C-alpha atoms as a PDB file:
ATOM      1  CA  UNK A   1       0.000   0.000   0.000  1.00  0.00           C
ATOM      2  CA  UNK A   2       1.367   3.432  -0.799  1.00  0.00           C
ATOM      3  CA  UNK A   3       2.626   5.518   2.103  1.00  0.00           C
ATOM      4  CA  UNK A   4      -0.362   7.903   2.135  1.00  0.00           C
ATOM      5  CA  UNK A   5      -2.675   4.954   3.019  1.00  0.00           C
ATOM      6  CA  UNK A   6      -5.615   6.135   0.923  1.00  0.00           C
ATOM      7  CA  UNK A   7      -8.410   3.653   0.125  1.00  0.00           C
ATOM      8  CA  UNK A   8      -8.126   1.819  -3.178  1.00  0.00           C
ATOM      9  CA  UNK A   9     -10.747   1.785  -5.858  1.00  0.00           C
ATOM     10  CA  UNK A  10     -10.702  -1.548  -7.659  1.00  0.00           C
ATOM     11  CA  UNK A  11     -11.775  -1.937 -11.269  1.00  0.00           C
ATOM     12  CA  UNK A  12     -13.367  -5.249 -10.325  1.00  0.00           C
ATOM     13  CA  UNK A  13     -16.746  -5.476  -8.633  1.00  0.00           C
ATOM     14  CA  UNK A  14     -18.024  -2.204 -10.079  1.00  0.00           C
ATOM     15  CA  UNK A  15     -15.293  -0.008  -8.610  1.00  0.00           C
ATOM     16  CA  UNK A  16     -15.378  -1.420  -5.092  1.00  0.00           C
ATOM     17  CA  UNK A  17     -13.444   0.736  -2.605  1.00  0.00           C
ATOM     18  CA  UNK A  18     -11.085  -1.164  -0.313  1.00  0.00           C
ATOM     19  CA  UNK A  19      -9.864   0.317   2.958  1.00  0.00           C
ATOM     20  CA  UNK A  20      -6.774  -1.354   4.347  1.00  0.00           C
ATOM     21  CA  UNK A  21      -6.455  -2.620   7.881  1.00  0.00           C
ATOM     22  CA  UNK A  22      -3.904  -0.592   9.883  1.00  0.00           C
ATOM     23  CA  UNK A  23      -1.589  -3.615   9.824  1.00  0.00           C
ATOM     24  CA  UNK A  24      -1.620  -3.956   6.019  1.00  0.00           C
ATOM     25  CA  UNK A  25       1.851  -3.804   4.482  1.00  0.00           C
ATOM     26  CA  UNK A  26       3.132  -4.349   0.963  1.00  0.00           C
ATOM     27  CA  UNK A  27       6.729  -5.079   0.151  1.00  0.00           C
ATOM     28  CA  UNK A  28       8.474  -5.631  -3.135  1.00  0.00           C
ATOM     29  CA  UNK A  29      12.013  -6.104  -4.321  1.00  0.00           C
ATOM     30  CA  UNK A  30      13.883  -4.699  -7.252  1.00  0.00           C
ATOM     31  CA  UNK A  31      17.451  -4.232  -8.425  1.00  0.00           C
ATOM     32  CA  UNK A  32      16.679  -0.652  -9.295  1.00  0.00           C
ATOM     33  CA  UNK A  33      15.478   2.520  -7.681  1.00  0.00           C
ATOM     34  CA  UNK A  34      12.559   2.298 -10.141  1.00  0.00           C
ATOM     35  CA  UNK A  35      13.867   5.149 -12.268  1.00  0.00           C
ATOM     36  CA  UNK A  36      16.746   3.149 -13.693  1.00  0.00           C
ATOM     37  CA  UNK A  37      19.443   5.393 -12.371  1.00  0.00           C
ATOM     38  CA  UNK A  38      21.238   6.644  -9.342  1.00  0.00           C
ATOM     39  CA  UNK A  39      21.849   3.410  -7.463  1.00  0.00           C
ATOM     40  CA  UNK A  40      23.574   1.824 -10.463  1.00  0.00           C
ATOM     41  CA  UNK A  41      21.083  -1.031 -10.688  1.00  0.00           C
ATOM     42  CA  UNK A  42      19.428  -0.460 -14.009  1.00  0.00           C
ATOM     43  CA  UNK A  43      16.157  -2.061 -14.964  1.00  0.00           C
ATOM     44  CA  UNK A  44      14.023  -1.966 -18.047  1.00  0.00           C
ATOM     45  CA  UNK A  45      11.114  -0.992 -15.799  1.00  0.00           C
ATOM     46  CA  UNK A  46      11.162   2.789 -15.424  1.00  0.00           C
ATOM     47  CA  UNK A  47       8.488   4.164 -13.130  1.00  0.00           C
ATOM     48  CA  UNK A  48       6.890   7.580 -13.055  1.00  0.00           C
ATOM     49  CA  UNK A  49       8.165   9.940 -10.292  1.00  0.00           C
ATOM     50  CA  UNK A  50       4.722  10.313  -8.684  1.00  0.00           C
ATOM     51  CA  UNK A  51       4.490   6.515  -8.366  1.00  0.00           C
ATOM     52  CA  UNK A  52       8.022   6.211  -6.942  1.00  0.00           C
ATOM     53  CA  UNK A  53       7.362   8.816  -4.229  1.00  0.00           C
ATOM     54  CA  UNK A  54       4.627   6.629  -2.765  1.00  0.00           C
ATOM     55  CA  UNK A  55       7.117   3.971  -1.697  1.00  0.00           C
ATOM     56  CA  UNK A  56      10.075   3.832   0.629  1.00  0.00           C
ATOM     57  CA  UNK A  57      13.307   2.708  -0.991  1.00  0.00           C
ATOM     58  CA  UNK A  58      15.602   0.736   1.280  1.00  0.00           C
ATOM     59  CA  UNK A  59      19.114   0.123   0.028  1.00  0.00           C
ATOM     60  CA  UNK A  60      20.471  -3.312   0.788  1.00  0.00           C
ATOM     61  CA  UNK A  61      24.057  -4.419   1.174  1.00  0.00           C
ATOM     62  CA  UNK A  62      25.599  -6.964  -1.135  1.00  0.00           C
ATOM     63  CA  UNK A  63      25.051 -10.509   0.104  1.00  0.00           C
ATOM     64  CA  UNK A  64      27.764 -11.877   2.387  1.00  0.00           C
ATOM     65  CA  UNK A  65      29.731 -15.049   1.736  1.00  0.00           C
ATOM     66  CA  UNK A  66      27.836 -16.735   4.572  1.00  0.00           C
ATOM     67  CA  UNK A  67      24.444 -15.730   3.125  1.00  0.00           C
ATOM     68  CA  UNK A  68      25.406 -16.962  -0.349  1.00  0.00           C
ATOM     69  CA  UNK A  69      26.686 -20.263   1.047  1.00  0.00           C
ATOM     70  CA  UNK A  70      23.589 -20.824   3.186  1.00  0.00           C
ATOM     71  CA  UNK A  71      21.229 -20.271   0.264  1.00  0.00           C
ATOM     72  CA  UNK A  72      23.125 -22.711  -1.960  1.00  0.00           C
ATOM     73  CA  UNK A  73      23.347 -25.311   0.814  1.00  0.00           C
ATOM     74  CA  UNK A  74      19.600 -25.120   1.340  1.00  0.00           C
ATOM     75  CA  UNK A  75      18.643 -25.044  -2.342  1.00  0.00           C
ATOM     76  CA  UNK A  76      21.240 -27.533  -3.629  1.00  0.00           C
ATOM     77  CA  UNK A  77      21.812 -29.772  -0.614  1.00  0.00           C
ATOM     78  CA  UNK A  78      22.950 -32.606  -2.895  1.00  0.00           C
ATOM     79  CA  UNK A  79      25.985 -30.624  -4.084  1.00  0.00           C
ATOM     80  CA  UNK A  80      29.281 -31.213  -2.297  1.00  0.00           C
ATOM     81  CA  UNK A  81      30.471 -28.329  -0.113  1.00  0.00           C
ATOM     82  CA  UNK A  82      33.634 -28.024  -2.208  1.00  0.00           C
ATOM     83  CA  UNK A  83      31.525 -27.286  -5.282  1.00  0.00           C
ATOM     84  CA  UNK A  84      29.343 -24.772  -3.441  1.00  0.00           C
ATOM     85  CA  UNK A  85      32.488 -23.033  -2.184  1.00  0.00           C
ATOM     86  CA  UNK A  86      33.722 -22.639  -5.764  1.00  0.00           C
ATOM     87  CA  UNK A  87      30.502 -20.938  -6.860  1.00  0.00           C
ATOM     88  CA  UNK A  88      30.401 -18.696  -3.782  1.00  0.00           C
ATOM     89  CA  UNK A  89      34.069 -17.725  -4.141  1.00  0.00           C
ATOM     90  CA  UNK A  90      33.427 -16.560  -7.693  1.00  0.00           C
ATOM     91  CA  UNK A  91      30.349 -14.568  -6.614  1.00  0.00           C
ATOM     92  CA  UNK A  92      32.327 -12.852  -3.846  1.00  0.00           C
ATOM     93  CA  UNK A  93      35.178 -12.065  -6.259  1.00  0.00           C
ATOM     94  CA  UNK A  94      32.715 -10.640  -8.798  1.00  0.00           C
ATOM     95  CA  UNK A  95      31.146  -8.494  -6.079  1.00  0.00           C
ATOM     96  CA  UNK A  96      34.593  -7.255  -5.070  1.00  0.00           C
ATOM     97  CA  UNK A  97      35.491  -6.029  -8.572  1.00  0.00           C
ATOM     98  CA  UNK A  98      34.399  -2.570  -7.499  1.00  0.00           C
ATOM     99  CA  UNK A  99      31.807  -1.950 -10.167  1.00  0.00           C
ATOM    100  CA  UNK A 100      28.185  -1.617  -9.076  1.00  0.00           C
ATOM    101  CA  UNK A 101      26.740  -2.791 -12.369  1.00  0.00           C
ATOM    102  CA  UNK A 102      28.233  -6.266 -12.051  1.00  0.00           C
ATOM    103  CA  UNK A 103      26.968  -7.335  -8.627  1.00  0.00           C
ATOM    104  CA  UNK A 104      26.098 -11.025  -8.456  1.00  0.00           C
ATOM    105  CA  UNK A 105      23.160 -11.232  -6.089  1.00  0.00           C
ATOM    106  CA  UNK A 106      21.683 -14.383  -4.582  1.00  0.00           C
ATOM    107  CA  UNK A 107      19.156 -14.790  -7.395  1.00  0.00           C
ATOM    108  CA  UNK A 108      21.892 -14.630 -10.029  1.00  0.00           C
ATOM    109  CA  UNK A 109      24.129 -17.059  -8.155  1.00  0.00           C
ATOM    110  CA  UNK A 110      21.244 -19.538  -7.856  1.00  0.00           C
ATOM    111  CA  UNK A 111      20.568 -19.065 -11.580  1.00  0.00           C
ATOM    112  CA  UNK A 112      24.220 -19.811 -12.390  1.00  0.00           C
ATOM    113  CA  UNK A 113      24.229 -23.000 -10.307  1.00  0.00           C
ATOM    114  CA  UNK A 114      20.895 -24.047 -11.817  1.00  0.00           C
ATOM    115  CA  UNK A 115      22.150 -23.357 -15.339  1.00  0.00           C
ATOM    116  CA  UNK A 116      25.312 -25.345 -14.591  1.00  0.00           C
ATOM    117  CA  UNK A 117      23.260 -28.282 -13.359  1.00  0.00           C
ATOM    118  CA  UNK A 118      20.914 -28.178 -16.344  1.00  0.00           C
ATOM    119  CA  UNK A 119      23.726 -27.781 -18.872  1.00  0.00           C
ATOM    120  CA  UNK A 120      25.977 -30.148 -16.944  1.00  0.00           C
ATOM    121  CA  UNK A 121      28.228 -30.943 -19.912  1.00  0.00           C
ATOM    122  CA  UNK A 122      29.108 -27.274 -20.467  1.00  0.00           C
ATOM    123  CA  UNK A 123      32.009 -25.643 -18.648  1.00  0.00           C
ATOM    124  CA  UNK A 124      31.405 -23.480 -15.598  1.00  0.00           C
ATOM    125  CA  UNK A 125      32.799 -20.574 -17.610  1.00  0.00           C
ATOM    126  CA  UNK A 126      30.213 -21.064 -20.348  1.00  0.00           C
ATOM    127  CA  UNK A 127      27.339 -21.411 -17.892  1.00  0.00           C
ATOM    128  CA  UNK A 128      28.627 -18.310 -16.057  1.00  0.00           C
ATOM    129  CA  UNK A 129      28.480 -16.378 -19.317  1.00  0.00           C
ATOM    130  CA  UNK A 130      24.963 -17.647 -20.040  1.00  0.00           C
ATOM    131  CA  UNK A 131      23.534 -17.061 -16.566  1.00  0.00           C
ATOM    132  CA  UNK A 132      25.334 -13.850 -15.630  1.00  0.00           C
ATOM    133  CA  UNK A 133      28.006 -12.249 -17.795  1.00  0.00           C
ATOM    134  CA  UNK A 134      25.976 -12.031 -21.009  1.00  0.00           C
ATOM    135  CA  UNK A 135      23.657  -9.435 -19.433  1.00  0.00           C
ATOM    136  CA  UNK A 136      26.461  -7.134 -18.288  1.00  0.00           C
ATOM    137  CA  UNK A 137      27.639  -3.954 -19.978  1.00  0.00           C
ATOM    138  CA  UNK A 138      30.774  -4.428 -22.088  1.00  0.00           C
ATOM    139  CA  UNK A 139      33.059  -2.593 -19.647  1.00  0.00           C
ATOM    140  CA  UNK A 140      32.083  -4.937 -16.791  1.00  0.00           C
ATOM    141  CA  UNK A 141      32.281  -8.215 -18.704  1.00  0.00           C
ATOM    142  CA  UNK A 142      36.072  -8.233 -18.804  1.00  0.00           C
ATOM    143  CA  UNK A 143      36.324  -7.660 -15.057  1.00  0.00           C
ATOM    144  CA  UNK A 144      33.959 -10.486 -14.118  1.00  0.00           C
ATOM    145  CA  UNK A 145      35.623 -12.901 -16.531  1.00  0.00           C
ATOM    146  CA  UNK A 146      38.953 -12.003 -14.943  1.00  0.00           C
ATOM    147  CA  UNK A 147      37.429 -12.688 -11.511  1.00  0.00           C
ATOM    148  CA  UNK A 148      36.263 -16.184 -12.481  1.00  0.00           C
ATOM    149  CA  UNK A 149      39.675 -16.869 -14.027  1.00  0.00           C
ATOM    150  CA  UNK A 150      41.528 -15.753 -10.882  1.00  0.00           C
ATOM    151  CA  UNK A 151      39.316 -17.797  -8.563  1.00  0.00           C
ATOM    152  CA  UNK A 152      38.837 -20.996 -10.553  1.00  0.00           C
ATOM    153  CA  UNK A 153      41.847 -21.023 -12.867  1.00  0.00           C
ATOM    154  CA  UNK A 154      41.656 -24.090 -15.110  1.00  0.00           C
ATOM    155  CA  UNK A 155      38.694 -25.400 -13.083  1.00  0.00           C
ATOM    156  CA  UNK A 156      36.495 -22.900 -14.929  1.00  0.00           C
ATOM    157  CA  UNK A 157      36.773 -25.195 -17.959  1.00  0.00           C
ATOM    158  CA  UNK A 158      35.405 -28.186 -16.053  1.00  0.00           C
ATOM    159  CA  UNK A 159      31.743 -29.155 -16.102  1.00  0.00           C
ATOM    160  CA  UNK A 160      29.163 -29.752 -13.409  1.00  0.00           C
ATOM    161  CA  UNK A 161      29.101 -33.338 -14.616  1.00  0.00           C
ATOM    162  CA  UNK A 162      32.769 -33.548 -13.633  1.00  0.00           C
ATOM    163  CA  UNK A 163      32.191 -31.939 -10.221  1.00  0.00           C
ATOM    164  CA  UNK A 164      29.247 -34.155  -9.326  1.00  0.00           C
ATOM    165  CA  UNK A 165      30.859 -37.448 -10.392  1.00  0.00           C
ATOM    166  CA  UNK A 166      31.408 -39.922  -7.564  1.00  0.00           C
ATOM    167  CA  UNK A 167      34.968 -40.873  -8.516  1.00  0.00           C
ATOM    168  CA  UNK A 168      37.301 -40.820  -5.512  1.00  0.00           C
ATOM    169  CA  UNK A 169      40.142 -39.739  -7.816  1.00  0.00           C
ATOM    170  CA  UNK A 170      38.226 -36.578  -8.681  1.00  0.00           C
ATOM    171  CA  UNK A 171      37.413 -35.864  -5.029  1.00  0.00           C
ATOM    172  CA  UNK A 172      41.086 -36.086  -4.112  1.00  0.00           C
ATOM    173  CA  UNK A 173      41.816 -33.653  -6.942  1.00  0.00           C
ATOM    174  CA  UNK A 174      38.995 -31.302  -5.867  1.00  0.00           C
ATOM    175  CA  UNK A 175      40.251 -31.213  -2.290  1.00  0.00           C
ATOM    176  CA  UNK A 176      43.693 -30.115  -3.446  1.00  0.00           C
ATOM    177  CA  UNK A 177      42.390 -27.284  -5.687  1.00  0.00           C
END
């Protein structure tokens, strides 16, 4: 509900007027300030200034390593911790590149892991490009690709199929890297 707490007139039911209970709250999320600008999170959804002024905008910090890890552990509890750590380490490195238009949030990290699991025969680098880097501005793409290279090295060319195989040889190799 907008801040001014005025009753709503609904198009349905012949223009029924709805008055909210004093405990009614609406909350939404967005990677933008709704005008596509000053907070560096740009969206294709630009909102009119009168609409924007009806809502509070709360800036959030980038997700911590612990938060990223916990989400992946809960969502992908069948993945080995060593694999989750690789994904999280890349996300943290991307977020530390210093550019606000290349932040990898929780949703994007989950999308990358999901893409990697779906396209399990493609390299982590390729799935990273599909799920994240392809949507970045040109100036940021180089920085995030450098981040994945620095964190994963040659492992970026391995596949999720490789990382989820049950071979003890591979697990010994994973533990060392």
